[in-house]
Amino acid sequence: MKLYSLSVLYKSEPKAVLLKAAYDVSSFSFFQRSSVQEFMTFTSQLIVERSAKGSRASVKEQEYLCHVYVRNDNLAGVVIADSEYPSRVAFTLLEKVLDEFSKQVESINWPVGSPATIDYTALDGHLSRYQNPREADPMSKVQAELDETKIILHNTMESLLERGEKLDDLVSKSEVLGTQSKAFYKTARKQNSCCAIM
């Protein structure tokens, strides 16, 4: 899971204006980085221009997903991530960034702003913090812990069932147990099998 770009834009007519952006292009070769960054900026602007006010969308381009959120006040955010990155976390990040941005930068500066003139420095921090969605988003962390617990529970149940099958074999082969004890064991096993979790 990887975030490559986090951008804040203003949706004006006919073009979208890039206000601020942060990029993580370290996974690309040194000679490709500037081209990749330009392409991400172009894609972000194009997606914002073609999205309606008050909308959220995810656009797939090859193995990347572009998540866009355009607010009713024309402020927009775009996250470019790989296809494994959870979209719920991406939209949570966009909402948080746009709320912070609108509080720190006056709306009068949005239509005429540029990355050089807008004073908002939190994007790089958000981009690095949200690289691991489980650490950045409490809900993802809880979900991951639940998944781990489920796996442990399934493994424990499987080992118990395996042991139970071996116990059945031992009871049937046992010469020490009387027929009454074997009958009791089989009845108890039958009674307990109705409550087994699969």
N, C-alpha and C. Protein backbone atom coordinates (compact mmCIF):
# COMPACT_ATOMS: atom_id res chain seq x y z
N MET A 1 0.85 -1.18 0.00
CA MET A 1 0.00 0.00 0.00
C MET A 1 0.89 1.24 0.00
N LYS A 2 0.60 2.13 -0.91
CA LYS A 2 1.46 3.31 -1.05
C LYS A 2 0.67 4.50 -1.54
N LEU A 3 0.98 5.66 -0.96
CA LEU A 3 0.46 6.95 -1.44
C LEU A 3 1.55 7.63 -2.25
N TYR A 4 1.20 8.11 -3.42
CA TYR A 4 2.18 8.77 -4.28
C TYR A 4 2.01 10.29 -4.30
N SER A 5 0.76 10.74 -4.17
CA SER A 5 0.51 12.17 -4.34
C SER A 5 -0.68 12.60 -3.50
N LEU A 6 -0.58 13.81 -2.96
CA LEU A 6 -1.67 14.44 -2.22
C LEU A 6 -1.72 15.89 -2.67
N SER A 7 -2.83 16.28 -3.30
CA SER A 7 -2.93 17.62 -3.89
C SER A 7 -4.18 18.34 -3.42
N VAL A 8 -4.04 19.66 -3.28
CA VAL A 8 -5.19 20.53 -3.01
C VAL A 8 -5.33 21.45 -4.22
N LEU A 9 -6.55 21.50 -4.78
CA LEU A 9 -6.79 22.29 -5.99
C LEU A 9 -8.03 23.14 -5.80
N TYR A 10 -8.18 24.14 -6.69
CA TYR A 10 -9.39 24.94 -6.73
C TYR A 10 -10.05 24.71 -8.09
N LYS A 11 -11.31 24.31 -8.07
CA LYS A 11 -12.03 24.03 -9.32
C LYS A 11 -12.63 25.33 -9.85
N SER A 12 -11.92 25.92 -10.78
CA SER A 12 -12.44 27.13 -11.43
C SER A 12 -12.80 26.78 -12.86
N GLU A 13 -13.48 27.67 -13.52
CA GLU A 13 -13.89 27.42 -14.92
C GLU A 13 -12.91 28.09 -15.85
N PRO A 14 -12.39 27.46 -16.84
CA PRO A 14 -12.59 26.07 -17.26
C PRO A 14 -11.54 25.12 -16.68
N LYS A 15 -10.51 25.66 -15.99
CA LYS A 15 -9.41 24.81 -15.52
C LYS A 15 -9.36 24.75 -14.00
N ALA A 16 -8.76 23.68 -13.51
CA ALA A 16 -8.51 23.55 -12.08
C ALA A 16 -7.14 24.15 -11.77
N VAL A 17 -7.06 24.85 -10.65
CA VAL A 17 -5.82 25.50 -10.24
C VAL A 17 -5.17 24.70 -9.12
N LEU A 18 -3.91 24.32 -9.31
CA LEU A 18 -3.18 23.60 -8.28
C LEU A 18 -2.74 24.60 -7.21
N LEU A 19 -3.16 24.36 -5.97
CA LEU A 19 -2.80 25.26 -4.88
C LEU A 19 -1.59 24.75 -4.09
N LYS A 20 -1.58 23.47 -3.80
CA LYS A 20 -0.47 22.88 -3.05
C LYS A 20 -0.45 21.39 -3.31
N ALA A 21 0.74 20.78 -3.29
CA ALA A 21 0.84 19.34 -3.54
C ALA A 21 2.06 18.77 -2.83
N ALA A 22 1.96 17.51 -2.50
CA ALA A 22 3.08 16.76 -1.93
C ALA A 22 3.18 15.44 -2.69
N TYR A 23 4.41 15.01 -2.94
CA TYR A 23 4.64 13.81 -3.74
C TYR A 23 5.62 12.88 -3.04
N ASP A 24 5.42 11.59 -3.25
CA ASP A 24 6.40 10.59 -2.84
C ASP A 24 6.69 9.74 -4.07
N VAL A 25 7.72 10.13 -4.80
CA VAL A 25 8.09 9.43 -6.04
C VAL A 25 9.40 8.65 -5.86
N SER A 26 9.73 8.34 -4.61
CA SER A 26 10.99 7.66 -4.33
C SER A 26 11.04 6.25 -4.91
N SER A 27 9.89 5.65 -5.19
CA SER A 27 9.87 4.29 -5.74
C SER A 27 10.14 4.27 -7.25
N PHE A 28 10.20 5.44 -7.87
CA PHE A 28 10.50 5.53 -9.30
C PHE A 28 11.98 5.84 -9.49
N SER A 29 12.50 5.52 -10.66
CA SER A 29 13.92 5.79 -10.91
C SER A 29 14.15 7.30 -10.91
N PHE A 30 15.37 7.68 -10.59
CA PHE A 30 15.71 9.10 -10.45
C PHE A 30 15.36 9.90 -11.71
N PHE A 31 15.60 9.33 -12.87
CA PHE A 31 15.40 10.05 -14.13
C PHE A 31 13.92 10.17 -14.51
N GLN A 32 13.07 9.34 -13.91
CA GLN A 32 11.63 9.38 -14.22
C GLN A 32 10.85 10.27 -13.26
N ARG A 33 11.42 10.63 -12.14
CA ARG A 33 10.68 11.30 -11.07
C ARG A 33 10.00 12.60 -11.50
N SER A 34 10.69 13.45 -12.22
CA SER A 34 10.07 14.73 -12.62
C SER A 34 8.92 14.49 -13.58
N SER A 35 9.07 13.55 -14.50
CA SER A 35 7.99 13.24 -15.44
C SER A 35 6.79 12.65 -14.72
N VAL A 36 7.04 11.75 -13.77
CA VAL A 36 5.96 11.13 -13.01
C VAL A 36 5.22 12.19 -12.21
N GLN A 37 5.97 13.10 -11.60
CA GLN A 37 5.36 14.18 -10.81
C GLN A 37 4.50 15.09 -11.68
N GLU A 38 5.00 15.44 -12.85
CA GLU A 38 4.21 16.27 -13.78
C GLU A 38 2.93 15.54 -14.21
N PHE A 39 3.06 14.24 -14.47
CA PHE A 39 1.89 13.47 -14.89
C PHE A 39 0.86 13.39 -13.77
N MET A 40 1.32 13.26 -12.52
CA MET A 40 0.39 13.22 -11.38
C MET A 40 -0.34 14.57 -11.23
N THR A 41 0.38 15.66 -11.44
CA THR A 41 -0.25 16.99 -11.38
C THR A 41 -1.28 17.14 -12.49
N PHE A 42 -0.92 16.74 -13.70
CA PHE A 42 -1.84 16.81 -14.83
C PHE A 42 -3.09 15.96 -14.58
N THR A 43 -2.90 14.74 -14.09
CA THR A 43 -4.02 13.84 -13.81
C THR A 43 -4.93 14.41 -12.73
N SER A 44 -4.33 14.96 -11.68
CA SER A 44 -5.12 15.55 -10.59
C SER A 44 -5.98 16.69 -11.10
N GLN A 45 -5.39 17.57 -11.92
CA GLN A 45 -6.15 18.70 -12.46
C GLN A 45 -7.28 18.21 -13.37
N LEU A 46 -6.98 17.24 -14.22
CA LEU A 46 -7.99 16.71 -15.14
C LEU A 46 -9.16 16.08 -14.40
N ILE A 47 -8.87 15.32 -13.36
CA ILE A 47 -9.94 14.65 -12.59
C ILE A 47 -10.81 15.68 -11.89
N VAL A 48 -10.19 16.72 -11.33
CA VAL A 48 -10.97 17.76 -10.64
C VAL A 48 -11.85 18.51 -11.65
N GLU A 49 -11.31 18.82 -12.82
CA GLU A 49 -12.09 19.53 -13.84
C GLU A 49 -13.32 18.74 -14.27
N ARG A 50 -13.19 17.43 -14.30
CA ARG A 50 -14.29 16.59 -14.78
C ARG A 50 -15.21 16.07 -13.68
N SER A 51 -14.95 16.45 -12.44
CA SER A 51 -15.79 16.02 -11.33
C SER A 51 -16.76 17.13 -10.94
N ALA A 52 -17.95 16.73 -10.52
CA ALA A 52 -18.97 17.71 -10.12
C ALA A 52 -18.71 18.23 -8.71
N LYS A 53 -19.24 19.41 -8.42
CA LYS A 53 -19.15 19.95 -7.06
C LYS A 53 -19.85 19.01 -6.10
N GLY A 54 -19.30 18.89 -4.90
CA GLY A 54 -19.92 18.07 -3.87
C GLY A 54 -19.84 16.58 -4.14
N SER A 55 -18.84 16.15 -4.89
CA SER A 55 -18.77 14.72 -5.24
C SER A 55 -17.45 14.10 -4.78
N ARG A 56 -17.53 12.80 -4.60
CA ARG A 56 -16.35 11.98 -4.30
C ARG A 56 -16.31 10.89 -5.35
N ALA A 57 -15.12 10.57 -5.81
CA ALA A 57 -15.01 9.51 -6.81
C ALA A 57 -13.63 8.87 -6.73
N SER A 58 -13.54 7.65 -7.22
CA SER A 58 -12.27 6.96 -7.36
C SER A 58 -12.13 6.54 -8.81
N VAL A 59 -11.02 6.92 -9.41
CA VAL A 59 -10.78 6.64 -10.82
C VAL A 59 -9.57 5.73 -10.92
N LYS A 60 -9.73 4.61 -11.63
CA LYS A 60 -8.63 3.66 -11.78
C LYS A 60 -7.87 3.96 -13.07
N GLU A 61 -6.55 4.06 -12.94
CA GLU A 61 -5.68 4.26 -14.10
C GLU A 61 -4.52 3.27 -13.96
N GLN A 62 -4.53 2.22 -14.79
CA GLN A 62 -3.57 1.11 -14.72
C GLN A 62 -3.60 0.52 -13.31
N GLU A 63 -2.45 0.50 -12.60
CA GLU A 63 -2.46 -0.08 -11.25
C GLU A 63 -2.63 0.98 -10.16
N TYR A 64 -3.01 2.19 -10.55
CA TYR A 64 -3.18 3.29 -9.60
C TYR A 64 -4.66 3.65 -9.44
N LEU A 65 -4.98 4.18 -8.26
CA LEU A 65 -6.31 4.70 -8.00
C LEU A 65 -6.19 6.17 -7.64
N CYS A 66 -6.99 7.00 -8.29
CA CYS A 66 -7.02 8.43 -7.99
C CYS A 66 -8.33 8.71 -7.26
N HIS A 67 -8.22 9.14 -6.01
CA HIS A 67 -9.40 9.47 -5.21
C HIS A 67 -9.56 10.99 -5.21
N VAL A 68 -10.75 11.44 -5.58
CA VAL A 68 -10.99 12.88 -5.67
C VAL A 68 -12.19 13.26 -4.82
N TYR A 69 -12.09 14.42 -4.18
CA TYR A 69 -13.19 14.97 -3.40
C TYR A 69 -13.28 16.45 -3.74
N VAL A 70 -14.39 16.85 -4.34
CA VAL A 70 -14.62 18.25 -4.69
C VAL A 70 -15.74 18.77 -3.78
N ARG A 71 -15.41 19.75 -2.98
CA ARG A 71 -16.41 20.31 -2.06
C ARG A 71 -17.31 21.30 -2.80
N ASN A 72 -18.38 21.68 -2.15
CA ASN A 72 -19.33 22.64 -2.75
C ASN A 72 -18.75 24.04 -2.90
N ASP A 73 -17.70 24.35 -2.13
CA ASP A 73 -17.05 25.67 -2.26
C ASP A 73 -15.92 25.65 -3.29
N ASN A 74 -15.88 24.62 -4.14
CA ASN A 74 -14.90 24.44 -5.23
C ASN A 74 -13.50 24.05 -4.77
N LEU A 75 -13.28 23.87 -3.48
CA LEU A 75 -12.00 23.38 -3.01
C LEU A 75 -11.99 21.86 -3.23
N ALA A 76 -10.88 21.37 -3.76
CA ALA A 76 -10.82 19.95 -4.11
C ALA A 76 -9.51 19.33 -3.64
N GLY A 77 -9.56 18.03 -3.42
CA GLY A 77 -8.36 17.29 -3.05
C GLY A 77 -8.28 16.01 -3.86
N VAL A 78 -7.05 15.61 -4.17
CA VAL A 78 -6.82 14.38 -4.92
C VAL A 78 -5.70 13.59 -4.25
N VAL A 79 -5.95 12.30 -4.07
CA VAL A 79 -4.94 11.36 -3.58
C VAL A 79 -4.70 10.36 -4.69
N ILE A 80 -3.43 10.16 -5.03
CA ILE A 80 -3.07 9.11 -5.99
C ILE A 80 -2.34 8.03 -5.20
N ALA A 81 -2.88 6.81 -5.26
CA ALA A 81 -2.34 5.70 -4.49
C ALA A 81 -2.35 4.44 -5.34
N ASP A 82 -1.74 3.39 -4.80
CA ASP A 82 -1.84 2.12 -5.52
C ASP A 82 -3.22 1.52 -5.26
N SER A 83 -3.56 0.48 -6.00
CA SER A 83 -4.91 -0.07 -5.95
C SER A 83 -5.22 -0.78 -4.64
N GLU A 84 -4.21 -1.10 -3.83
CA GLU A 84 -4.43 -1.78 -2.56
C GLU A 84 -4.80 -0.81 -1.43
N TYR A 85 -4.53 0.47 -1.62
CA TYR A 85 -4.77 1.45 -0.55
C TYR A 85 -6.27 1.58 -0.30
N PRO A 86 -6.71 1.49 0.96
CA PRO A 86 -8.15 1.54 1.25
C PRO A 86 -8.77 2.90 0.91
N SER A 87 -9.84 2.89 0.12
CA SER A 87 -10.44 4.14 -0.32
C SER A 87 -11.06 4.92 0.84
N ARG A 88 -11.58 4.22 1.85
CA ARG A 88 -12.17 4.92 2.99
C ARG A 88 -11.12 5.78 3.71
N VAL A 89 -9.91 5.24 3.84
CA VAL A 89 -8.83 5.99 4.49
C VAL A 89 -8.42 7.17 3.61
N ALA A 90 -8.38 6.97 2.30
CA ALA A 90 -8.01 8.06 1.39
C ALA A 90 -9.01 9.22 1.48
N PHE A 91 -10.30 8.90 1.53
CA PHE A 91 -11.30 9.97 1.62
C PHE A 91 -11.29 10.64 3.00
N THR A 92 -10.96 9.89 4.04
CA THR A 92 -10.80 10.48 5.37
C THR A 92 -9.65 11.48 5.35
N LEU A 93 -8.55 11.11 4.71
CA LEU A 93 -7.40 12.00 4.58
C LEU A 93 -7.77 13.26 3.80
N LEU A 94 -8.47 13.09 2.69
CA LEU A 94 -8.87 14.25 1.88
C LEU A 94 -9.75 15.21 2.67
N GLU A 95 -10.71 14.67 3.39
CA GLU A 95 -11.61 15.52 4.17
C GLU A 95 -10.83 16.28 5.24
N LYS A 96 -9.92 15.61 5.91
CA LYS A 96 -9.11 16.24 6.95
C LYS A 96 -8.24 17.35 6.37
N VAL A 97 -7.57 17.08 5.25
CA VAL A 97 -6.68 18.05 4.63
C VAL A 97 -7.46 19.27 4.14
N LEU A 98 -8.60 19.04 3.50
CA LEU A 98 -9.38 20.17 2.98
C LEU A 98 -9.95 21.03 4.11
N ASP A 99 -10.35 20.40 5.20
CA ASP A 99 -10.82 21.18 6.36
C ASP A 99 -9.70 22.03 6.93
N GLU A 100 -8.53 21.45 7.12
CA GLU A 100 -7.37 22.20 7.63
C GLU A 100 -6.99 23.33 6.69
N PHE A 101 -6.94 23.01 5.40
CA PHE A 101 -6.54 24.00 4.40
C PHE A 101 -7.50 25.19 4.40
N SER A 102 -8.80 24.92 4.45
CA SER A 102 -9.78 26.01 4.41
C SER A 102 -9.73 26.88 5.67
N LYS A 103 -9.25 26.33 6.78
CA LYS A 103 -9.10 27.13 8.01
C LYS A 103 -7.83 27.97 7.98
N GLN A 104 -6.77 27.46 7.33
CA GLN A 104 -5.49 28.16 7.33
C GLN A 104 -5.30 29.12 6.17
N VAL A 105 -5.95 28.85 5.04
CA VAL A 105 -5.80 29.70 3.85
C VAL A 105 -7.14 30.34 3.54
N GLU A 106 -7.15 31.65 3.44
CA GLU A 106 -8.41 32.37 3.17
C GLU A 106 -8.94 32.03 1.79
N SER A 107 -10.27 31.92 1.69
CA SER A 107 -10.91 31.51 0.43
C SER A 107 -10.70 32.53 -0.68
N ILE A 108 -10.40 33.76 -0.35
CA ILE A 108 -10.15 34.79 -1.37
C ILE A 108 -8.87 34.48 -2.16
N ASN A 109 -7.96 33.71 -1.55
CA ASN A 109 -6.69 33.37 -2.20
C ASN A 109 -6.78 32.12 -3.08
N TRP A 110 -7.85 31.37 -2.97
CA TRP A 110 -7.95 30.11 -3.70
C TRP A 110 -7.96 30.29 -5.23
N PRO A 111 -8.77 31.20 -5.80
CA PRO A 111 -8.81 31.28 -7.27
C PRO A 111 -7.51 31.78 -7.90
N VAL A 112 -6.72 32.54 -7.16
CA VAL A 112 -5.50 33.13 -7.74
C VAL A 112 -4.22 32.52 -7.17
N GLY A 113 -4.38 31.49 -6.34
CA GLY A 113 -3.22 30.90 -5.67
C GLY A 113 -2.39 30.00 -6.56
N SER A 114 -1.20 29.73 -6.08
CA SER A 114 -0.30 28.78 -6.74
C SER A 114 0.54 28.12 -5.64
N PRO A 115 1.22 27.02 -5.95
CA PRO A 115 2.03 26.37 -4.90
C PRO A 115 3.07 27.30 -4.27
N ALA A 116 3.56 28.27 -5.02
CA ALA A 116 4.57 29.19 -4.49
C ALA A 116 3.95 30.24 -3.56
N THR A 117 2.70 30.63 -3.80
CA THR A 117 2.11 31.71 -3.01
C THR A 117 1.26 31.23 -1.84
N ILE A 118 0.84 29.99 -1.84
CA ILE A 118 -0.01 29.46 -0.76
C ILE A 118 0.88 28.96 0.39
N ASP A 119 0.59 29.43 1.59
CA ASP A 119 1.37 29.03 2.76
C ASP A 119 0.61 27.94 3.53
N TYR A 120 0.87 26.71 3.16
CA TYR A 120 0.28 25.55 3.84
C TYR A 120 1.31 24.43 3.76
N THR A 121 1.89 24.08 4.90
CA THR A 121 3.03 23.16 4.91
C THR A 121 2.71 21.76 5.42
N ALA A 122 1.47 21.47 5.74
CA ALA A 122 1.13 20.20 6.38
C ALA A 122 1.01 19.02 5.42
N LEU A 123 1.00 19.25 4.11
CA LEU A 123 0.77 18.15 3.16
C LEU A 123 1.83 17.06 3.23
N ASP A 124 3.10 17.44 3.32
CA ASP A 124 4.17 16.44 3.37
C ASP A 124 4.02 15.55 4.61
N GLY A 125 3.67 16.16 5.73
CA GLY A 125 3.46 15.40 6.96
C GLY A 125 2.31 14.42 6.84
N HIS A 126 1.20 14.88 6.25
CA HIS A 126 0.05 13.99 6.05
C HIS A 126 0.40 12.85 5.10
N LEU A 127 1.12 13.16 4.04
CA LEU A 127 1.49 12.13 3.05
C LEU A 127 2.35 11.05 3.70
N SER A 128 3.30 11.44 4.53
CA SER A 128 4.16 10.43 5.17
C SER A 128 3.41 9.68 6.28
N ARG A 129 2.54 10.38 7.03
CA ARG A 129 1.81 9.74 8.13
C ARG A 129 0.82 8.72 7.60
N TYR A 130 0.19 9.01 6.48
CA TYR A 130 -0.84 8.12 5.94
C TYR A 130 -0.28 7.04 5.01
N GLN A 131 1.05 6.92 4.91
CA GLN A 131 1.62 5.83 4.11
C GLN A 131 1.19 4.48 4.65
N ASN A 132 1.09 4.39 5.98
CA ASN A 132 0.59 3.16 6.60
C ASN A 132 -0.82 3.44 7.11
N PRO A 133 -1.85 3.02 6.39
CA PRO A 133 -3.22 3.38 6.78
C PRO A 133 -3.64 2.81 8.13
N ARG A 134 -3.04 1.71 8.55
CA ARG A 134 -3.40 1.12 9.84
C ARG A 134 -2.96 2.00 10.99
N GLU A 135 -1.82 2.67 10.84
CA GLU A 135 -1.32 3.54 11.90
C GLU A 135 -2.03 4.89 11.89
N ALA A 136 -2.35 5.39 10.71
CA ALA A 136 -2.94 6.72 10.60
C ALA A 136 -4.43 6.73 10.91
N ASP A 137 -5.11 5.65 10.58
CA ASP A 137 -6.56 5.61 10.73
C ASP A 137 -6.93 4.61 11.83
N PRO A 138 -7.55 5.08 12.92
CA PRO A 138 -7.89 4.18 14.03
C PRO A 138 -8.82 3.03 13.61
N MET A 139 -9.73 3.30 12.69
CA MET A 139 -10.68 2.28 12.25
C MET A 139 -9.95 1.15 11.53
N SER A 140 -8.97 1.48 10.71
CA SER A 140 -8.19 0.46 10.01
C SER A 140 -7.37 -0.37 10.99
N LYS A 141 -6.86 0.29 12.02
CA LYS A 141 -6.08 -0.42 13.03
C LYS A 141 -6.95 -1.44 13.76
N VAL A 142 -8.16 -1.03 14.14
CA VAL A 142 -9.09 -1.94 14.82
C VAL A 142 -9.46 -3.10 13.90
N GLN A 143 -9.72 -2.80 12.62
CA GLN A 143 -10.07 -3.85 11.65
C GLN A 143 -8.93 -4.85 11.50
N ALA A 144 -7.70 -4.36 11.44
CA ALA A 144 -6.55 -5.26 11.32
C ALA A 144 -6.42 -6.16 12.55
N GLU A 145 -6.65 -5.58 13.74
CA GLU A 145 -6.59 -6.38 14.97
C GLU A 145 -7.70 -7.44 14.98
N LEU A 146 -8.89 -7.07 14.51
CA LEU A 146 -9.98 -8.05 14.42
C LEU A 146 -9.64 -9.18 13.46
N ASP A 147 -9.07 -8.83 12.32
CA ASP A 147 -8.68 -9.85 11.34
C ASP A 147 -7.65 -10.82 11.94
N GLU A 148 -6.66 -10.26 12.68
CA GLU A 148 -5.65 -11.11 13.30
C GLU A 148 -6.29 -12.04 14.33
N THR A 149 -7.22 -11.50 15.13
CA THR A 149 -7.90 -12.31 16.14
C THR A 149 -8.70 -13.42 15.48
N LYS A 150 -9.36 -13.10 14.37
CA LYS A 150 -10.14 -14.10 13.64
C LYS A 150 -9.24 -15.24 13.14
N ILE A 151 -8.07 -14.88 12.63
CA ILE A 151 -7.14 -15.88 12.13
C ILE A 151 -6.68 -16.78 13.28
N ILE A 152 -6.34 -16.17 14.41
CA ILE A 152 -5.91 -16.96 15.57
C ILE A 152 -7.02 -17.87 16.03
N LEU A 153 -8.26 -17.35 16.06
CA LEU A 153 -9.40 -18.15 16.49
C LEU A 153 -9.62 -19.34 15.56
N HIS A 154 -9.53 -19.09 14.25
CA HIS A 154 -9.70 -20.19 13.28
C HIS A 154 -8.60 -21.24 13.45
N ASN A 155 -7.35 -20.78 13.65
CA ASN A 155 -6.25 -21.73 13.84
C ASN A 155 -6.46 -22.56 15.10
N THR A 156 -6.93 -21.91 16.17
CA THR A 156 -7.18 -22.62 17.43
C THR A 156 -8.28 -23.65 17.25
N MET A 157 -9.36 -23.27 16.55
CA MET A 157 -10.47 -24.20 16.33
C MET A 157 -10.01 -25.38 15.48
N GLU A 158 -9.18 -25.11 14.46
CA GLU A 158 -8.68 -26.20 13.62
C GLU A 158 -7.83 -27.17 14.44
N SER A 159 -6.97 -26.63 15.30
CA SER A 159 -6.13 -27.52 16.11
C SER A 159 -6.97 -28.31 17.11
N LEU A 160 -8.03 -27.68 17.63
CA LEU A 160 -8.93 -28.41 18.53
C LEU A 160 -9.66 -29.52 17.80
N LEU A 161 -10.11 -29.23 16.58
CA LEU A 161 -10.81 -30.26 15.81
C LEU A 161 -9.87 -31.41 15.46
N GLU A 162 -8.62 -31.08 15.12
CA GLU A 162 -7.66 -32.13 14.82
C GLU A 162 -7.44 -33.00 16.05
N ARG A 163 -7.29 -32.34 17.20
CA ARG A 163 -7.09 -33.08 18.44
C ARG A 163 -8.32 -33.93 18.76
N GLY A 164 -9.51 -33.38 18.48
CA GLY A 164 -10.74 -34.12 18.72
C GLY A 164 -10.83 -35.37 17.86
N GLU A 165 -10.40 -35.26 16.61
CA GLU A 165 -10.42 -36.43 15.73
C GLU A 165 -9.46 -37.49 16.25
N LYS A 166 -8.31 -37.09 16.73
CA LYS A 166 -7.34 -38.03 17.26
C LYS A 166 -7.87 -38.66 18.55
N LEU A 167 -8.57 -37.87 19.34
CA LEU A 167 -9.15 -38.38 20.57
C LEU A 167 -10.19 -39.46 20.27
N ASP A 168 -11.00 -39.25 19.20
CA ASP A 168 -11.97 -40.27 18.79
C ASP A 168 -11.27 -41.59 18.46
N ASP A 169 -10.17 -41.49 17.72
CA ASP A 169 -9.43 -42.70 17.35
C ASP A 169 -8.89 -43.41 18.60
N LEU A 170 -8.37 -42.61 19.54
CA LEU A 170 -7.83 -43.20 20.77
C LEU A 170 -8.91 -43.89 21.59
N VAL A 171 -10.08 -43.27 21.69
CA VAL A 171 -11.17 -43.86 22.47
C VAL A 171 -11.61 -45.19 21.85
N SER A 172 -11.74 -45.21 20.54
CA SER A 172 -12.20 -46.45 19.89
C SER A 172 -11.16 -47.57 19.98
N LYS A 173 -9.87 -47.22 20.02
CA LYS A 173 -8.82 -48.24 20.10
C LYS A 173 -8.53 -48.67 21.54
N SER A 174 -8.97 -47.89 22.48
CA SER A 174 -8.62 -48.15 23.87
C SER A 174 -9.21 -49.45 24.38
N GLU A 175 -8.37 -50.22 25.07
CA GLU A 175 -8.83 -51.46 25.69
C GLU A 175 -9.14 -51.24 27.16
N VAL A 176 -8.64 -50.13 27.72
CA VAL A 176 -8.82 -49.85 29.14
C VAL A 176 -10.22 -49.34 29.42
N LEU A 177 -10.78 -48.54 28.47
CA LEU A 177 -12.11 -47.99 28.68
C LEU A 177 -13.17 -49.07 28.47
N GLY A 178 -14.13 -49.10 29.34
CA GLY A 178 -15.22 -50.06 29.21
C GLY A 178 -16.22 -49.59 28.17
N THR A 179 -17.13 -50.46 27.78
CA THR A 179 -18.14 -50.11 26.79
C THR A 179 -19.04 -48.98 27.29
N GLN A 180 -19.29 -48.96 28.59
CA GLN A 180 -20.13 -47.89 29.17
C GLN A 180 -19.43 -46.54 29.01
N SER A 181 -18.14 -46.46 29.25
CA SER A 181 -17.38 -45.20 29.11
C SER A 181 -17.33 -44.75 27.66
N LYS A 182 -17.13 -45.73 26.74
CA LYS A 182 -17.12 -45.40 25.32
C LYS A 182 -18.47 -44.86 24.87
N ALA A 183 -19.56 -45.46 25.36
CA ALA A 183 -20.90 -44.99 25.02
C ALA A 183 -21.13 -43.59 25.56
N PHE A 184 -20.65 -43.32 26.79
CA PHE A 184 -20.78 -41.98 27.38
C PHE A 184 -20.03 -40.95 26.54
N TYR A 185 -18.80 -41.30 26.14
CA TYR A 185 -17.98 -40.39 25.34
C TYR A 185 -18.67 -40.07 24.01
N LYS A 186 -19.18 -41.10 23.34
CA LYS A 186 -19.84 -40.89 22.04
C LYS A 186 -21.08 -40.03 22.19
N THR A 187 -21.87 -40.25 23.26
CA THR A 187 -23.06 -39.44 23.50
C THR A 187 -22.68 -37.98 23.77
N ALA A 188 -21.67 -37.78 24.60
CA ALA A 188 -21.21 -36.42 24.92
C ALA A 188 -20.69 -35.73 23.66
N ARG A 189 -19.95 -36.47 22.86
CA ARG A 189 -19.41 -35.91 21.61
C ARG A 189 -20.55 -35.50 20.68
N LYS A 190 -21.58 -36.34 20.58
CA LYS A 190 -22.72 -36.05 19.71
C LYS A 190 -23.46 -34.80 20.20
N GLN A 191 -23.63 -34.69 21.53
CA GLN A 191 -24.31 -33.54 22.12
C GLN A 191 -23.52 -32.25 21.86
N ASN A 192 -22.22 -32.33 21.99
CA ASN A 192 -21.37 -31.14 21.82
C ASN A 192 -21.22 -30.75 20.35
N SER A 193 -21.40 -31.68 19.45
CA SER A 193 -21.21 -31.37 18.02
C SER A 193 -22.26 -30.41 17.49
N CYS A 194 -23.40 -30.31 18.15
CA CYS A 194 -24.43 -29.38 17.69
C CYS A 194 -24.01 -27.94 17.92
N CYS A 195 -23.04 -27.72 18.79
CA CYS A 195 -22.61 -26.36 19.14
C CYS A 195 -21.27 -26.01 18.51
N ALA A 196 -20.75 -26.84 17.64
CA ALA A 196 -19.44 -26.59 17.05
C ALA A 196 -19.50 -25.38 16.13
N ILE A 197 -18.42 -24.59 16.15
CA ILE A 197 -18.31 -23.42 15.27
C ILE A 197 -17.49 -23.80 14.07
N MET A 198 -18.01 -23.53 12.90
CA MET A 198 -17.28 -23.88 11.68
C MET A 198 -16.61 -22.66 11.13
